Amino acid sequence: MQDVHLFSYGTLRQEAVQLALFGRRIEGEPDAMPGWRQRMIEITDADVIAKSGTRWHPMVELSDREDDAVEGTLFRISAEDLAHADAYEIDYVRREVRLRSGRMAWVYGDPEA
C-alpha cells in the first residue's frame, strides 16, 4: 500500500473528525501552503456539522500576496482514507499543491480557485 500525502488546515486535524472518518487518530507534521490565504465558510450538510461540531469551516483560496501562507498539518494516509476524506469534504475540491517543505500533497479548497 502506498501512502498519500494530504495537507489539512481545518477540521481534518480534529481527533473527533479523524475517528469518524478513518476509525483512528492520524499523526502528521507541520507544513504550510505558500501563496494561499484562508477564509471561513458556512457548511449546511448536517453530517459534516455533526462530525466537526461546527457549521463554520475554513476554506483556502489563492492569494495575490507573496507573503500569504496557510499553516496546517501534512498527513500520510492510505488511498482508502483519502476516499473517506473526499466523501466528507463535499463543499471543497481536492487539488495537488506544493507545500513549503517542497513536498506535493492533496488539499481541499475553494472550487472556484
Protein backbone atom coordinates (compact mmCIF):
# COMPACT_ATOMS: atom_id res chain seq x y z
CA MET A 1 0.00 0.00 0.00
CA GLN A 2 1.39 3.39 -1.00
CA ASP A 3 0.80 6.37 1.26
CA VAL A 4 -0.85 9.54 0.00
CA HIS A 5 0.10 13.00 1.25
CA LEU A 6 -2.84 15.06 2.49
CA PHE A 7 -2.46 18.59 3.83
CA SER A 8 -5.11 19.87 6.23
CA TYR A 9 -5.61 23.36 7.61
CA GLY A 10 -9.03 22.68 9.14
CA THR A 11 -11.31 20.07 10.62
CA LEU A 12 -9.42 17.03 9.33
CA ARG A 13 -6.92 17.82 12.09
CA GLN A 14 -9.60 17.31 14.78
CA GLU A 15 -9.45 13.99 16.62
CA ALA A 16 -13.25 13.53 16.52
CA VAL A 17 -13.32 14.02 12.74
CA GLN A 18 -10.40 11.61 12.24
CA LEU A 19 -12.09 8.95 14.37
CA ALA A 20 -15.38 9.37 12.45
CA LEU A 21 -13.71 9.22 9.02
CA PHE A 22 -10.72 6.90 9.47
CA GLY A 23 -11.55 4.99 12.64
CA ARG A 24 -8.31 6.13 14.25
CA ARG A 25 -6.25 9.18 15.09
CA ILE A 26 -3.66 10.05 12.45
CA GLU A 27 -0.36 11.76 13.13
CA GLY A 28 1.11 14.46 10.94
CA GLU A 29 3.76 17.15 10.83
CA PRO A 30 3.53 20.93 10.47
CA ASP A 31 3.79 22.42 6.98
CA ALA A 32 2.25 25.32 5.05
CA MET A 33 0.82 26.35 1.67
CA PRO A 34 2.65 29.47 0.47
CA GLY A 35 0.70 31.78 -1.83
CA TRP A 36 -2.70 30.84 -0.34
CA ARG A 37 -4.99 32.53 2.20
CA GLN A 38 -7.81 31.31 4.39
CA ARG A 39 -11.41 32.44 4.95
CA MET A 40 -14.40 30.93 6.73
CA ILE A 41 -17.46 29.43 5.03
CA GLU A 42 -20.75 28.16 6.39
CA ILE A 43 -21.40 24.43 5.93
CA THR A 44 -25.00 23.25 5.62
CA ASP A 45 -24.55 19.45 5.46
CA ALA A 46 -25.85 18.01 8.76
CA ASP A 47 -23.47 15.02 8.72
CA VAL A 48 -20.39 17.22 8.26
CA ILE A 49 -21.59 19.57 11.03
CA ALA A 50 -22.19 16.59 13.35
CA LYS A 51 -18.69 15.20 12.75
CA SER A 52 -16.90 18.55 13.10
CA GLY A 53 -19.07 20.13 15.79
CA THR A 54 -19.43 23.41 13.88
CA ARG A 55 -21.04 24.84 10.78
CA TRP A 56 -18.14 27.27 10.18
CA HIS A 57 -15.16 25.74 8.38
CA PRO A 58 -12.01 27.28 6.90
CA MET A 59 -11.57 27.43 3.13
CA VAL A 60 -8.38 28.21 1.20
CA GLU A 61 -8.05 30.26 -1.95
CA LEU A 62 -5.13 31.55 -3.98
CA SER A 63 -3.69 34.82 -2.77
CA ASP A 64 -2.14 37.65 -4.76
CA ARG A 65 0.25 38.39 -1.86
CA GLU A 66 3.61 36.64 -1.84
CA ASP A 67 3.80 36.64 1.96
CA ASP A 68 0.47 34.84 2.48
CA ALA A 69 0.62 31.22 3.60
CA VAL A 70 -1.82 28.81 5.19
CA GLU A 71 -0.37 26.82 8.11
CA GLY A 72 -1.53 23.27 8.69
CA THR A 73 -0.59 19.62 9.02
CA LEU A 74 0.77 17.17 6.46
CA PHE A 75 -0.59 13.64 6.89
CA ARG A 76 0.42 10.36 5.26
CA ILE A 77 -2.75 8.34 4.70
CA SER A 78 -3.95 5.46 2.54
CA ALA A 79 -5.93 5.80 -0.70
CA GLU A 80 -8.91 4.38 1.21
CA ASP A 81 -8.54 7.13 3.83
CA LEU A 82 -8.42 9.70 1.04
CA ALA A 83 -11.72 8.36 -0.33
CA HIS A 84 -13.29 8.82 3.13
CA ALA A 85 -11.96 12.39 3.25
CA ASP A 86 -13.38 13.04 -0.24
CA ALA A 87 -16.83 11.95 0.96
CA TYR A 88 -16.58 14.33 3.94
CA GLU A 89 -15.24 17.39 2.08
CA ILE A 90 -18.33 17.85 -0.10
CA ASP A 91 -18.13 21.66 -0.32
CA TYR A 92 -14.49 21.57 -1.43
CA VAL A 93 -12.47 20.45 -4.42
CA ARG A 94 -9.34 18.34 -3.99
CA ARG A 95 -6.20 19.50 -5.80
CA GLU A 96 -2.49 18.87 -5.53
CA VAL A 97 -0.28 21.69 -4.24
CA ARG A 98 3.39 22.20 -3.42
CA LEU A 99 3.97 22.85 0.27
CA ARG A 100 6.62 24.99 1.94
CA SER A 101 8.61 21.80 2.58
CA GLY A 102 8.74 21.17 -1.17
CA ARG A 103 6.52 18.10 -0.95
CA MET A 104 3.40 17.71 -3.08
CA ALA A 105 0.14 16.97 -1.25
CA TRP A 106 -3.59 16.84 -1.82
CA VAL A 107 -5.57 19.66 -0.23
CA TYR A 108 -9.25 20.56 -0.16
CA GLY A 109 -10.02 24.12 -1.17
CA ASP A 110 -12.23 26.59 -2.96
CA PRO A 111 -13.85 25.09 -6.08
CA GLU A 112 -13.52 28.50 -7.75
CA ALA A 113 -9.76 28.87 -7.09
